PDB file of N, CA and C in Angstrom:
ATOM      1  N   MET A   1     343.307 -47.926 138.984  1.00  0.00           N
ATOM      2  CA  MET A   1     344.316 -46.949 138.656  1.00  0.00           C
ATOM      3  C   MET A   1     345.631 -47.679 138.352  1.00  0.00           C
ATOM      4  N   GLU A   2     346.245 -47.317 137.250  1.00  0.00           N
ATOM      5  CA  GLU A   2     347.470 -47.977 136.828  1.00  0.00           C
ATOM      6  C   GLU A   2     348.678 -47.347 137.511  1.00  0.00           C
ATOM      7  N   GLU A   3     349.558 -48.217 138.030  1.00  0.00           N
ATOM      8  CA  GLU A   3     350.761 -47.738 138.701  1.00  0.00           C
ATOM      9  C   GLU A   3     351.828 -47.419 137.668  1.00  0.00           C
ATOM     10  N   LYS A   4     352.473 -46.274 137.819  1.00  0.00           N
ATOM     11  CA  LYS A   4     353.514 -45.865 136.892  1.00  0.00           C
ATOM     12  C   LYS A   4     354.807 -46.608 137.225  1.00  0.00           C
ATOM     13  N   SER A   5     355.445 -47.164 136.209  1.00  0.00           N
ATOM     14  CA  SER A   5     356.681 -47.910 136.402  1.00  0.00           C
ATOM     15  C   SER A   5     357.833 -46.963 136.714  1.00  0.00           C
ATOM     16  N   THR A   6     358.707 -47.407 137.590  1.00  0.00           N
ATOM     17  CA  THR A   6     359.884 -46.603 137.921  1.00  0.00           C
ATOM     18  C   THR A   6     361.060 -46.975 137.028  1.00  0.00           C
ATOM     19  N   TYR A   7     360.851 -47.946 136.138  1.00  0.00           N
ATOM     20  CA  TYR A   7     361.915 -48.400 135.243  1.00  0.00           C
ATOM     21  C   TYR A   7     361.584 -48.034 133.806  1.00  0.00           C
ATOM     22  N   SER A   8     362.611 -47.884 133.013  1.00  0.00           N
ATOM     23  CA  SER A   8     362.408 -47.545 131.601  1.00  0.00           C
ATOM     24  C   SER A   8     361.774 -48.720 130.862  1.00  0.00           C
ATOM     25  N   ALA A   9     361.218 -48.418 129.712  1.00  0.00           N
ATOM     26  CA  ALA A   9     360.645 -49.478 128.877  1.00  0.00           C
ATOM     27  C   ALA A   9     361.726 -50.478 128.481  1.00  0.00           C
ATOM     28  N   LEU A  10     362.919 -49.979 128.201  1.00  0.00           N
ATOM     29  CA  LEU A  10     364.032 -50.861 127.840  1.00  0.00           C
ATOM     30  C   LEU A  10     364.360 -51.815 128.990  1.00  0.00           C
ATOM     31  N   ALA A  11     364.473 -51.287 130.187  1.00  0.00           N
ATOM     32  CA  ALA A  11     364.789 -52.122 131.346  1.00  0.00           C
ATOM     33  C   ALA A  11     363.690 -53.146 131.601  1.00  0.00           C
ATOM     34  N   SER A  12     362.453 -52.728 131.495  1.00  0.00           N
ATOM     35  CA  SER A  12     361.334 -53.645 131.726  1.00  0.00           C
ATOM     36  C   SER A  12     361.296 -54.751 130.690  1.00  0.00           C
ATOM     37  N   GLU A  13     361.471 -54.405 129.416  1.00  0.00           N
ATOM     38  CA  GLU A  13     361.422 -55.404 128.354  1.00  0.00           C
ATOM     39  C   GLU A  13     362.587 -56.386 128.456  1.00  0.00           C
ATOM     40  N   LEU A  14     363.787 -55.884 128.688  1.00  0.00           N
ATOM     41  CA  LEU A  14     364.937 -56.778 128.830  1.00  0.00           C
ATOM     42  C   LEU A  14     364.755 -57.713 130.023  1.00  0.00           C
ATOM     43  N   SER A  15     364.247 -57.194 131.112  1.00  0.00           N
ATOM     44  CA  SER A  15     364.024 -58.012 132.298  1.00  0.00           C
ATOM     45  C   SER A  15     363.008 -59.120 132.021  1.00  0.00           C
ATOM     46  N   HIS A  16     361.943 -58.772 131.339  1.00  0.00           N
ATOM     47  CA  HIS A  16     360.882 -59.732 131.019  1.00  0.00           C
ATOM     48  C   HIS A  16     361.429 -60.891 130.174  1.00  0.00           C
ATOM     49  N   ILE A  17     362.168 -60.581 129.140  1.00  0.00           N
ATOM     50  CA  ILE A  17     362.716 -61.618 128.260  1.00  0.00           C
ATOM     51  C   ILE A  17     363.837 -62.386 128.966  1.00  0.00           C
ATOM     52  N   ASN A  18     364.698 -61.678 129.678  1.00  0.00           N
ATOM     53  CA  ASN A  18     365.786 -62.357 130.385  1.00  0.00           C
ATOM     54  C   ASN A  18     365.253 -63.347 131.412  1.00  0.00           C
ATOM     55  N   ARG A  19     364.153 -63.011 132.046  1.00  0.00           N
ATOM     56  CA  ARG A  19     363.538 -63.920 133.007  1.00  0.00           C
ATOM     57  C   ARG A  19     363.118 -65.209 132.286  1.00  0.00           C
ATOM     58  N   ALA A  20     362.538 -65.065 131.110  1.00  0.00           N
ATOM     59  CA  ALA A  20     362.107 -66.242 130.347  1.00  0.00           C
ATOM     60  C   ALA A  20     363.295 -67.053 129.847  1.00  0.00           C
ATOM     61  N   LEU A  21     364.385 -66.381 129.514  1.00  0.00           N
ATOM     62  CA  LEU A  21     365.568 -67.070 129.003  1.00  0.00           C
ATOM     63  C   LEU A  21     366.506 -67.506 130.124  1.00  0.00           C
ATOM     64  N   GLY A  22     366.128 -67.251 131.358  1.00  0.00           N
ATOM     65  CA  GLY A  22     367.001 -67.503 132.490  1.00  0.00           C
ATOM     66  C   GLY A  22     367.141 -68.954 132.910  1.00  0.00           C
ATOM     67  N   HIS A  23     366.475 -69.855 132.237  1.00  0.00           N
ATOM     68  CA  HIS A  23     366.598 -71.280 132.571  1.00  0.00           C
ATOM     69  C   HIS A  23     367.166 -72.014 131.353  1.00  0.00           C
ATOM     70  N   PRO A  24     368.204 -72.829 131.549  1.00  0.00           N
ATOM     71  CA  PRO A  24     368.822 -73.504 130.396  1.00  0.00           C
ATOM     72  C   PRO A  24     367.863 -74.409 129.625  1.00  0.00           C
ATOM     73  N   ALA A  25     366.840 -74.930 130.289  1.00  0.00           N
ATOM     74  CA  ALA A  25     365.869 -75.767 129.578  1.00  0.00           C
ATOM     75  C   ALA A  25     365.117 -74.959 128.529  1.00  0.00           C
ATOM     76  N   ARG A  26     364.851 -73.698 128.824  1.00  0.00           N
ATOM     77  CA  ARG A  26     364.119 -72.859 127.867  1.00  0.00           C
ATOM     78  C   ARG A  26     364.992 -72.536 126.663  1.00  0.00           C
ATOM     79  N   ILE A  27     366.267 -72.322 126.909  1.00  0.00           N
ATOM     80  CA  ILE A  27     367.200 -72.115 125.795  1.00  0.00           C
ATOM     81  C   ILE A  27     367.252 -73.396 124.957  1.00  0.00           C
ATOM     82  N   ALA A  28     367.342 -74.543 125.615  1.00  0.00           N
ATOM     83  CA  ALA A  28     367.387 -75.831 124.908  1.00  0.00           C
ATOM     84  C   ALA A  28     366.123 -76.035 124.074  1.00  0.00           C
ATOM     85  N   LEU A  29     364.983 -75.650 124.616  1.00  0.00           N
ATOM     86  CA  LEU A  29     363.733 -75.768 123.861  1.00  0.00           C
ATOM     87  C   LEU A  29     363.737 -74.865 122.637  1.00  0.00           C
ATOM     88  N   LEU A  30     364.181 -73.632 122.795  1.00  0.00           N
ATOM     89  CA  LEU A  30     364.247 -72.730 121.642  1.00  0.00           C
ATOM     90  C   LEU A  30     365.201 -73.270 120.584  1.00  0.00           C
ATOM     91  N   ILE A  31     366.315 -73.835 121.006  1.00  0.00           N
ATOM     92  CA  ILE A  31     367.262 -74.421 120.055  1.00  0.00           C
ATOM     93  C   ILE A  31     366.612 -75.601 119.334  1.00  0.00           C
ATOM     94  N   ALA A  32     365.923 -76.463 120.081  1.00  0.00           N
ATOM     95  CA  ALA A  32     365.258 -77.624 119.468  1.00  0.00           C
ATOM     96  C   ALA A  32     364.203 -77.179 118.453  1.00  0.00           C
ATOM     97  N   ILE A  33     363.459 -76.131 118.777  1.00  0.00           N
ATOM     98  CA  ILE A  33     362.450 -75.614 117.844  1.00  0.00           C
ATOM     99  C   ILE A  33     363.152 -75.027 116.613  1.00  0.00           C
ATOM    100  N   ALA A  34     364.221 -74.274 116.834  1.00  0.00           N
ATOM    101  CA  ALA A  34     364.966 -73.685 115.719  1.00  0.00           C
ATOM    102  C   ALA A  34     365.521 -74.770 114.800  1.00  0.00           C
ATOM    103  N   GLN A  35     365.971 -75.869 115.366  1.00  0.00           N
ATOM    104  CA  GLN A  35     366.507 -76.976 114.566  1.00  0.00           C
ATOM    105  C   GLN A  35     365.426 -77.654 113.723  1.00  0.00           C
ATOM    106  N   ARG A  36     364.182 -77.429 114.064  1.00  0.00           N
ATOM    107  CA  ARG A  36     363.060 -77.954 113.274  1.00  0.00           C
ATOM    108  C   ARG A  36     362.530 -76.897 112.323  1.00  0.00           C
ATOM    109  N   GLY A  37     363.330 -75.914 112.028  1.00  0.00           N
ATOM    110  CA  GLY A  37     362.915 -74.862 111.110  1.00  0.00           C
ATOM    111  C   GLY A  37     362.170 -73.727 111.769  1.00  0.00           C
ATOM    112  N   GLY A  38     362.173 -73.691 113.094  1.00  0.00           N
ATOM    113  CA  GLY A  38     361.539 -72.592 113.823  1.00  0.00           C
ATOM    114  C   GLY A  38     360.121 -72.858 114.256  1.00  0.00           C
ATOM    115  N   SER A  39     359.585 -74.055 113.914  1.00  0.00           N
ATOM    116  CA  SER A  39     358.209 -74.351 114.323  1.00  0.00           C
ATOM    117  C   SER A  39     358.035 -75.836 114.593  1.00  0.00           C
ATOM    118  N   VAL A  40     356.994 -76.123 115.370  1.00  0.00           N
ATOM    119  CA  VAL A  40     356.598 -77.487 115.686  1.00  0.00           C
ATOM    120  C   VAL A  40     355.133 -77.605 115.282  1.00  0.00           C
ATOM    121  N   GLN A  41     354.846 -78.596 114.435  1.00  0.00           N
ATOM    122  CA  GLN A  41     353.474 -78.767 113.959  1.00  0.00           C
ATOM    123  C   GLN A  41     353.026 -80.205 114.128  1.00  0.00           C
ATOM    124  N   ASN A  42     351.956 -80.375 114.889  1.00  0.00           N
ATOM    125  CA  ASN A  42     351.317 -81.677 115.086  1.00  0.00           C
ATOM    126  C   ASN A  42     352.287 -82.758 115.539  1.00  0.00           C
ATOM    127  N   GLU A  43     353.235 -82.391 116.386  1.00  0.00           N
ATOM    128  CA  GLU A  43     354.152 -83.379 116.945  1.00  0.00           C
ATOM    129  C   GLU A  43     354.463 -83.003 118.383  1.00  0.00           C
ATOM    130  N   THR A  44     354.986 -83.939 119.096  1.00  0.00           N
ATOM    131  CA  THR A  44     355.386 -83.694 120.471  1.00  0.00           C
ATOM    132  C   THR A  44     356.887 -83.475 120.494  1.00  0.00           C
ATOM    133  N   LEU A  45     357.299 -82.340 120.939  1.00  0.00           N
ATOM    134  CA  LEU A  45     358.715 -82.043 121.107  1.00  0.00           C
ATOM    135  C   LEU A  45     359.195 -82.777 122.350  1.00  0.00           C
ATOM    136  N   ALA A  46     360.337 -83.420 122.246  1.00  0.00           N
ATOM    137  CA  ALA A  46     360.858 -84.170 123.396  1.00  0.00           C
ATOM    138  C   ALA A  46     362.332 -83.864 123.585  1.00  0.00           C
ATOM    139  N   LEU A  47     362.691 -83.573 124.808  1.00  0.00           N
ATOM    140  CA  LEU A  47     364.090 -83.430 125.192  1.00  0.00           C
ATOM    141  C   LEU A  47     364.339 -84.477 126.266  1.00  0.00           C
ATOM    142  N   PRO A  48     365.360 -85.314 126.098  1.00  0.00           N
ATOM    143  CA  PRO A  48     365.567 -86.431 127.025  1.00  0.00           C
ATOM    144  C   PRO A  48     365.688 -86.024 128.490  1.00  0.00           C
ATOM    145  N   GLN A  49     366.212 -84.833 128.755  1.00  0.00           N
ATOM    146  CA  GLN A  49     366.429 -84.417 130.134  1.00  0.00           C
ATOM    147  C   GLN A  49     365.186 -83.819 130.793  1.00  0.00           C
ATOM    148  N   LEU A  50     364.085 -83.672 130.033  1.00  0.00           N
ATOM    149  CA  LEU A  50     362.876 -83.049 130.581  1.00  0.00           C
ATOM    150  C   LEU A  50     361.684 -83.983 130.484  1.00  0.00           C
ATOM    151  N   SER A  51     360.918 -84.058 131.570  1.00  0.00           N
ATOM    152  CA  SER A  51     359.649 -84.777 131.491  1.00  0.00           C
ATOM    153  C   SER A  51     358.700 -83.935 130.631  1.00  0.00           C
ATOM    154  N   GLN A  52     357.653 -84.569 130.129  1.00  0.00           N
ATOM    155  CA  GLN A  52     356.687 -83.855 129.294  1.00  0.00           C
ATOM    156  C   GLN A  52     356.032 -82.718 130.080  1.00  0.00           C
ATOM    157  N   ALA A  53     355.704 -82.947 131.346  1.00  0.00           N
ATOM    158  CA  ALA A  53     355.059 -81.907 132.164  1.00  0.00           C
ATOM    159  C   ALA A  53     355.990 -80.724 132.371  1.00  0.00           C
ATOM    160  N   THR A  54     357.254 -80.988 132.648  1.00  0.00           N
ATOM    161  CA  THR A  54     358.223 -79.908 132.846  1.00  0.00           C
ATOM    162  C   THR A  54     358.429 -79.135 131.550  1.00  0.00           C
ATOM    163  N   MET A  55     358.505 -79.856 130.442  1.00  0.00           N
ATOM    164  CA  MET A  55     358.684 -79.193 129.159  1.00  0.00           C
ATOM    165  C   MET A  55     357.501 -78.270 128.857  1.00  0.00           C
ATOM    166  N   MET A  56     356.299 -78.727 129.157  1.00  0.00           N
ATOM    167  CA  MET A  56     355.117 -77.893 128.916  1.00  0.00           C
ATOM    168  C   MET A  56     355.149 -76.627 129.773  1.00  0.00           C
ATOM    169  N   GLN A  57     355.611 -76.742 131.005  1.00  0.00           N
ATOM    170  CA  GLN A  57     355.735 -75.550 131.859  1.00  0.00           C
ATOM    171  C   GLN A  57     356.706 -74.551 131.238  1.00  0.00           C
ATOM    172  N   HIS A  58     357.830 -75.041 130.755  1.00  0.00           N
ATOM    173  CA  HIS A  58     358.817 -74.152 130.146  1.00  0.00           C
ATOM    174  C   HIS A  58     358.285 -73.536 128.849  1.00  0.00           C
ATOM    175  N   LEU A  59     357.572 -74.314 128.053  1.00  0.00           N
ATOM    176  CA  LEU A  59     356.977 -73.768 126.833  1.00  0.00           C
ATOM    177  C   LEU A  59     355.959 -72.678 127.167  1.00  0.00           C
ATOM    178  N   ARG A  60     355.190 -72.881 128.237  1.00  0.00           N
ATOM    179  CA  ARG A  60     354.226 -71.843 128.650  1.00  0.00           C
ATOM    180  C   ARG A  60     354.937 -70.553 129.033  1.00  0.00           C
ATOM    181  N   GLU A  61     356.078 -70.673 129.713  1.00  0.00           N
ATOM    182  CA  GLU A  61     356.844 -69.475 130.083  1.00  0.00           C
ATOM    183  C   GLU A  61     357.382 -68.759 128.845  1.00  0.00           C
ATOM    184  N   LEU A  62     357.851 -69.534 127.877  1.00  0.00           N
ATOM    185  CA  LEU A  62     358.333 -68.922 126.628  1.00  0.00           C
ATOM    186  C   LEU A  62     357.191 -68.232 125.893  1.00  0.00           C
ATOM    187  N   LYS A  63     356.024 -68.841 125.914  1.00  0.00           N
ATOM    188  CA  LYS A  63     354.865 -68.231 125.265  1.00  0.00           C
ATOM    189  C   LYS A  63     354.432 -66.975 126.012  1.00  0.00           C
ATOM    190  N   ARG A  64     354.413 -67.037 127.334  1.00  0.00           N
ATOM    191  CA  ARG A  64     354.029 -65.880 128.150  1.00  0.00           C
ATOM    192  C   ARG A  64     354.944 -64.681 127.857  1.00  0.00           C
ATOM    193  N   ALA A  65     356.211 -64.960 127.607  1.00  0.00           N
ATOM    194  CA  ALA A  65     357.169 -63.897 127.296  1.00  0.00           C
ATOM    195  C   ALA A  65     357.079 -63.451 125.840  1.00  0.00           C
ATOM    196  N   GLY A  66     356.284 -64.150 125.046  1.00  0.00           N
ATOM    197  CA  GLY A  66     356.130 -63.779 123.641  1.00  0.00           C
ATOM    198  C   GLY A  66     357.198 -64.348 122.734  1.00  0.00           C
ATOM    199  N   LEU A  67     358.023 -65.253 123.239  1.00  0.00           N
ATOM    200  CA  LEU A  67     359.101 -65.808 122.432  1.00  0.00           C
ATOM    201  C   LEU A  67     358.627 -66.917 121.496  1.00  0.00           C
ATOM    202  N   ILE A  68     357.509 -67.542 121.830  1.00  0.00           N
ATOM    203  CA  ILE A  68     356.873 -68.473 120.908  1.00  0.00           C
ATOM    204  C   ILE A  68     355.404 -68.103 120.796  1.00  0.00           C
ATOM    205  N   GLN A  69     354.815 -68.480 119.670  1.00  0.00           N
ATOM    206  CA  GLN A  69     353.404 -68.215 119.412  1.00  0.00           C
ATOM    207  C   GLN A  69     352.730 -69.521 119.033  1.00  0.00           C
ATOM    208  N   GLY A  70     351.443 -69.600 119.274  1.00  0.00           N
ATOM    209  CA  GLY A  70     350.666 -70.738 118.824  1.00  0.00           C
ATOM    210  C   GLY A  70     350.080 -71.543 119.951  1.00  0.00           C
ATOM    211  N   ARG A  71     349.686 -72.757 119.621  1.00  0.00           N
ATOM    212  CA  ARG A  71     349.046 -73.676 120.567  1.00  0.00           C
ATOM    213  C   ARG A  71     350.087 -74.692 121.022  1.00  0.00           C
ATOM    214  N   ILE A  72     350.285 -74.804 122.331  1.00  0.00           N
ATOM    215  CA  ILE A  72     351.352 -75.664 122.849  1.00  0.00           C
ATOM    216  C   ILE A  72     350.828 -76.864 123.625  1.00  0.00           C
ATOM    217  N   PHE A  73     349.552 -77.184 123.461  1.00  0.00           N
ATOM    218  CA  PHE A  73     348.954 -78.269 124.247  1.00  0.00           C
ATOM    219  C   PHE A  73     348.462 -79.393 123.353  1.00  0.00           C
ATOM    220  N   GLY A  74     348.732 -80.607 123.765  1.00  0.00           N
ATOM    221  CA  GLY A  74     348.158 -81.781 123.132  1.00  0.00           C
ATOM    222  C   GLY A  74     348.789 -82.174 121.812  1.00  0.00           C
ATOM    223  N   ALA A  75     348.172 -83.176 121.204  1.00  0.00           N
ATOM    224  CA  ALA A  75     348.700 -83.749 119.967  1.00  0.00           C
ATOM    225  C   ALA A  75     348.616 -82.779 118.792  1.00  0.00           C
ATOM    226  N   LYS A  76     347.760 -81.809 118.870  1.00  0.00           N
ATOM    227  CA  LYS A  76     347.612 -80.838 117.787  1.00  0.00           C
ATOM    228  C   LYS A  76     348.409 -79.559 118.049  1.00  0.00           C
ATOM    229  N   SER A  77     349.500 -79.679 118.775  1.00  0.00           N
ATOM    230  CA  SER A  77     350.335 -78.516 119.075  1.00  0.00           C
ATOM    231  C   SER A  77     350.907 -77.927 117.797  1.00  0.00           C
ATOM    232  N   ASN A  78     350.806 -76.638 117.680  1.00  0.00           N
ATOM    233  CA  ASN A  78     351.385 -75.884 116.576  1.00  0.00           C
ATOM    234  C   ASN A  78     351.943 -74.591 117.148  1.00  0.00           C
ATOM    235  N   TYR A  79     353.232 -74.484 117.204  1.00  0.00           N
ATOM    236  CA  TYR A  79     353.832 -73.264 117.714  1.00  0.00           C
ATOM    237  C   TYR A  79     355.129 -72.997 116.987  1.00  0.00           C
ATOM    238  N   LYS A  80     355.526 -71.726 117.066  1.00  0.00           N
ATOM    239  CA  LYS A  80     356.746 -71.319 116.377  1.00  0.00           C
ATOM    240  C   LYS A  80     357.446 -70.237 117.174  1.00  0.00           C
ATOM    241  N   ILE A  81     358.716 -70.099 116.892  1.00  0.00           N
ATOM    242  CA  ILE A  81     359.493 -69.021 117.498  1.00  0.00           C
ATOM    243  C   ILE A  81     359.020 -67.710 116.893  1.00  0.00           C
ATOM    244  N   ASP A  82     358.824 -66.708 117.724  1.00  0.00           N
ATOM    245  CA  ASP A  82     358.481 -65.375 117.242  1.00  0.00           C
ATOM    246  C   ASP A  82     359.791 -64.658 116.934  1.00  0.00           C
ATOM    247  N   ILE A  83     360.214 -64.761 115.703  1.00  0.00           N
ATOM    248  CA  ILE A  83     361.509 -64.215 115.305  1.00  0.00           C
ATOM    249  C   ILE A  83     361.544 -62.698 115.456  1.00  0.00           C
ATOM    250  N   ASP A  84     360.407 -62.033 115.252  1.00  0.00           N
ATOM    251  CA  ASP A  84     360.369 -60.580 115.428  1.00  0.00           C
ATOM    252  C   ASP A  84     360.628 -60.198 116.883  1.00  0.00           C
ATOM    253  N   LYS A  85     360.080 -60.986 117.813  1.00  0.00           N
ATOM    254  CA  LYS A  85     360.314 -60.721 119.243  1.00  0.00           C
ATOM    255  C   LYS A  85     361.792 -60.913 119.573  1.00  0.00           C
ATOM    256  N   LEU A  86     362.408 -61.957 119.018  1.00  0.00           N
ATOM    257  CA  LEU A  86     363.840 -62.183 119.255  1.00  0.00           C
ATOM    258  C   LEU A  86     364.688 -61.079 118.634  1.00  0.00           C
ATOM    259  N   LYS A  87     364.297 -60.609 117.471  1.00  0.00           N
ATOM    260  CA  LYS A  87     365.039 -59.504 116.833  1.00  0.00           C
ATOM    261  C   LYS A  87     364.935 -58.237 117.684  1.00  0.00           C
ATOM    262  N   THR A  88     363.739 -57.969 118.202  1.00  0.00           N
ATOM    263  CA  THR A  88     363.558 -56.793 119.066  1.00  0.00           C
ATOM    264  C   THR A  88     364.396 -56.933 120.326  1.00  0.00           C
ATOM    265  N   TYR A  89     364.409 -58.132 120.905  1.00  0.00           N
ATOM    266  CA  TYR A  89     365.237 -58.382 122.084  1.00  0.00           C
ATOM    267  C   TYR A  89     366.706 -58.126 121.754  1.00  0.00           C
ATOM    268  N   HIS A  90     367.159 -58.605 120.625  1.00  0.00           N
ATOM    269  CA  HIS A  90     368.548 -58.412 120.199  1.00  0.00           C
ATOM    270  C   HIS A  90     368.872 -56.919 120.064  1.00  0.00           C
ATOM    271  N   LEU A  91     367.985 -56.173 119.429  1.00  0.00           N
ATOM    272  CA  LEU A  91     368.195 -54.726 119.290  1.00  0.00           C
ATOM    273  C   LEU A  91     368.207 -54.035 120.647  1.00  0.00           C
ATOM    274  N   ASN A  92     367.283 -54.419 121.524  1.00  0.00           N
ATOM    275  CA  ASN A  92     367.235 -53.827 122.864  1.00  0.00           C
ATOM    276  C   ASN A  92     368.491 -54.153 123.662  1.00  0.00           C
ATOM    277  N   LEU A  93     368.966 -55.380 123.541  1.00  0.00           N
ATOM    278  CA  LEU A  93     370.188 -55.771 124.247  1.00  0.00           C
ATOM    279  C   LEU A  93     371.385 -54.993 123.706  1.00  0.00           C
ATOM    280  N   ASN A  94     371.434 -54.803 122.394  1.00  0.00           N
ATOM    281  CA  ASN A  94     372.504 -53.992 121.801  1.00  0.00           C
ATOM    282  C   ASN A  94     372.429 -52.546 122.289  1.00  0.00           C
ATOM    283  N   ASP A  95     371.221 -52.017 122.399  1.00  0.00           N
ATOM    284  CA  ASP A  95     371.037 -50.654 122.908  1.00  0.00           C
ATOM    285  C   ASP A  95     371.549 -50.551 124.336  1.00  0.00           C
ATOM    286  N   PHE A  96     371.200 -51.540 125.159  1.00  0.00           N
ATOM    287  CA  PHE A  96     371.665 -51.581 126.540  1.00  0.00           C
ATOM    288  C   PHE A  96     373.201 -51.622 126.577  1.00  0.00           C
ATOM    289  N   MET A  97     373.802 -52.480 125.764  1.00  0.00           N
ATOM    290  CA  MET A  97     375.259 -52.606 125.741  1.00  0.00           C
ATOM    291  C   MET A  97     375.908 -51.293 125.309  1.00  0.00           C
ATOM    292  N   HIS A  98     375.310 -50.631 124.347  1.00  0.00           N
ATOM    293  CA  HIS A  98     375.841 -49.348 123.875  1.00  0.00           C
ATOM    294  C   HIS A  98     375.789 -48.319 125.008  1.00  0.00           C
ATOM    295  N   GLN A  99     374.665 -48.279 125.739  1.00  0.00           N
ATOM    296  CA  GLN A  99     374.536 -47.348 126.862  1.00  0.00           C
ATOM    297  C   GLN A  99     375.535 -47.678 127.956  1.00  0.00           C
ATOM    298  N   ALA A 100     375.738 -48.949 128.220  1.00  0.00           N
ATOM    299  CA  ALA A 100     376.676 -49.371 129.273  1.00  0.00           C
ATOM    300  C   ALA A 100     378.103 -49.026 128.897  1.00  0.00           C
ATOM    301  N   GLN A 101     378.454 -49.120 127.644  1.00  0.00           N
ATOM    302  CA  GLN A 101     379.810 -48.799 127.207  1.00  0.00           C
ATOM    303  C   GLN A 101     380.105 -47.304 127.331  1.00  0.00           C
ATOM    304  N   LYS A 102     379.072 -46.476 127.242  1.00  0.00           N
ATOM    305  CA  LYS A 102     379.254 -45.039 127.380  1.00  0.00           C
ATOM    306  C   LYS A 102     379.509 -44.634 128.831  1.00  0.00           C
ATOM    307  N   ALA A 103     379.058 -45.460 129.743  1.00  0.00           N
ATOM    308  CA  ALA A 103     379.154 -45.110 131.180  1.00  0.00           C
ATOM    309  C   ALA A 103     380.576 -45.129 131.672  1.00  0.00           C
TER     310      ALA A 103
END
């Protein structure tokens, strides 16, 4: 039996994405991917401040949140930023801000 959420879809979605964006390393990874044209293909992304294992954990969290798509493991990694997911997040955040300003 599925439990009914006590929070709105907007609140749940914003919380889910904010949790994924809540670590500066994940923001840094998204910026690094964006600087490569929004995708990484057959290369290892490296950030000097992150070990490879830590970076992979953060990439998995971004993928779990739907912010990146593709394969993020090994030498044949191919992943990209899900721009539609980011656009939806932006619209949802604007909706939240509009509601908050009315209060």
